[in-house]
Protein backbone atom coordinates (compact mmCIF):
# COMPACT_ATOMS: atom_id res chain seq x y z
CA MET A 1 -42.86 -52.57 13.21
CA VAL A 2 -46.36 -53.24 11.87
CA TYR A 3 -45.94 -57.06 11.08
CA PRO A 4 -42.46 -57.95 12.75
CA ASN A 5 -42.99 -61.75 12.34
CA LYS A 6 -44.83 -61.69 9.02
CA ILE A 7 -42.82 -63.36 6.30
CA TRP A 8 -43.23 -61.75 2.75
CA GLN A 9 -42.56 -62.76 -0.63
CA PHE A 10 -42.82 -61.26 -3.98
CA SER A 11 -46.37 -61.87 -5.53
CA GLN A 12 -46.54 -65.04 -7.58
CA LYS A 13 -49.01 -63.16 -10.00
CA CYS A 14 -46.81 -60.28 -10.72
CA ILE A 15 -44.90 -59.87 -14.23
CA LEU A 16 -43.01 -56.72 -13.66
CA HIS A 17 -41.10 -54.74 -16.17
CA ILE A 18 -38.66 -52.19 -14.81
CA TRP A 19 -37.36 -48.82 -16.38
CA GLN A 20 -34.93 -46.68 -14.52
CA LEU A 21 -35.37 -43.02 -15.36
CA TYR A 22 -32.38 -40.37 -15.55
CA SER A 23 -31.59 -40.57 -11.89
CA ASP A 24 -31.17 -43.58 -9.58
CA GLN A 25 -33.94 -42.25 -7.41
CA GLU A 26 -36.98 -43.03 -9.65
CA ILE A 27 -37.77 -46.29 -11.33
CA ILE A 28 -40.89 -47.07 -13.22
CA VAL A 29 -42.45 -50.45 -12.75
CA PHE A 30 -45.01 -51.96 -14.83
CA ASN A 31 -47.26 -54.81 -13.71
CA GLU A 32 -48.20 -56.75 -16.68
CA SER A 33 -50.55 -59.10 -14.51
CA SER A 34 -52.66 -55.98 -13.17
CA GLY A 35 -51.95 -53.40 -16.18
CA GLN A 36 -50.84 -50.86 -13.35
CA THR A 37 -47.79 -48.68 -13.62
CA HIS A 38 -45.82 -47.44 -10.46
CA VAL A 39 -43.02 -45.22 -9.81
CA VAL A 40 -40.83 -46.52 -7.05
CA SER A 41 -37.69 -45.80 -5.43
CA PHE A 42 -34.29 -47.39 -5.83
CA LEU A 43 -34.62 -48.88 -1.95
CA CYS A 44 -38.20 -50.18 -3.06
CA LEU A 45 -36.91 -51.58 -6.33
CA ASN A 46 -34.15 -53.46 -3.94
CA ALA A 47 -36.78 -54.86 -1.78
CA LEU A 48 -38.90 -56.17 -4.54
CA GLU A 49 -35.54 -57.90 -6.03
CA LEU A 50 -34.61 -59.44 -2.60
CA LEU A 51 -38.27 -60.95 -2.19
CA LYS A 52 -38.23 -62.10 -5.60
CA CYS A 53 -35.35 -64.47 -4.74
CA ASN A 54 -36.28 -65.23 -1.04
CA PRO A 55 -39.52 -64.80 1.46
CA LEU A 56 -37.87 -62.41 4.29
CA ASN A 57 -39.18 -61.08 7.51
CA HIS A 58 -39.07 -57.28 8.31
CA LYS A 59 -35.80 -57.65 10.56
CA ASP A 60 -34.15 -59.76 7.67
CA LEU A 61 -35.18 -57.33 4.75
CA LEU A 62 -34.18 -54.50 6.68
CA GLY A 63 -30.86 -55.67 7.44
CA PHE A 64 -30.17 -56.68 3.80
CA LEU A 65 -31.43 -53.10 2.51
CA ALA A 66 -29.41 -51.50 5.09
CA THR A 67 -26.11 -53.35 4.31
CA HIS A 68 -26.89 -53.27 0.53
CA ASN A 69 -27.52 -49.53 0.43
CA GLU A 70 -24.89 -48.43 3.20
CA LEU A 71 -27.82 -47.25 5.42
CA ASP A 72 -28.10 -47.55 9.15
CA PRO A 73 -30.65 -50.05 10.13
CA ASP A 74 -32.41 -47.23 12.59
CA GLU A 75 -35.86 -46.79 13.67
CA LYS A 76 -36.17 -44.26 10.59
CA LEU A 77 -35.43 -46.91 7.86
CA ALA A 78 -37.33 -49.47 9.92
CA SER A 79 -40.38 -47.19 9.74
CA TYR A 80 -39.95 -46.49 5.99
CA LEU A 81 -39.76 -50.15 5.56
CA ASP A 82 -42.95 -50.59 7.19
CA LYS A 83 -44.94 -48.22 5.22
CA MET A 84 -43.31 -49.33 1.95
CA LEU A 85 -44.42 -53.07 2.67
CA LEU A 86 -47.96 -52.13 3.47
CA GLU A 87 -47.91 -49.93 0.21
CA LEU A 88 -46.35 -53.03 -1.88
CA ASP A 89 -49.09 -55.46 -0.32
CA SER A 90 -51.83 -53.00 -1.08
CA LEU A 91 -50.55 -52.88 -4.68
CA GLY A 92 -50.58 -56.43 -5.17
CA LEU A 93 -46.59 -56.68 -5.73
CA ILE A 94 -45.97 -58.45 -2.54
CA GLU A 95 -47.97 -60.90 -0.29
CA PRO A 96 -47.50 -62.67 2.94
CA TYR A 97 -45.42 -65.98 2.79
CA PRO A 98 -47.82 -68.81 3.29
CA MET A 99 -46.73 -70.90 6.50
């Protein structure tokens, strides 16, 4: 894990518009605040929705995503989540929760 104890939250600056494409696997997210459009996975959208409701650390977010999507919270999913959190942070969609 890159930041196991860091708590993440949905960025306070984001105003998202979401469109789901023909399959559940691709979702278009437009951030009105930045003017940027992104194609994200369903799992990524779940993470954004969870972080919009509650700031969470990696372990708790992994548990919620695994349970909600009926996935095994194994090392593969944990690694995927690491990469996803770093990418979402770099896009300005999430941010560290001030402690």
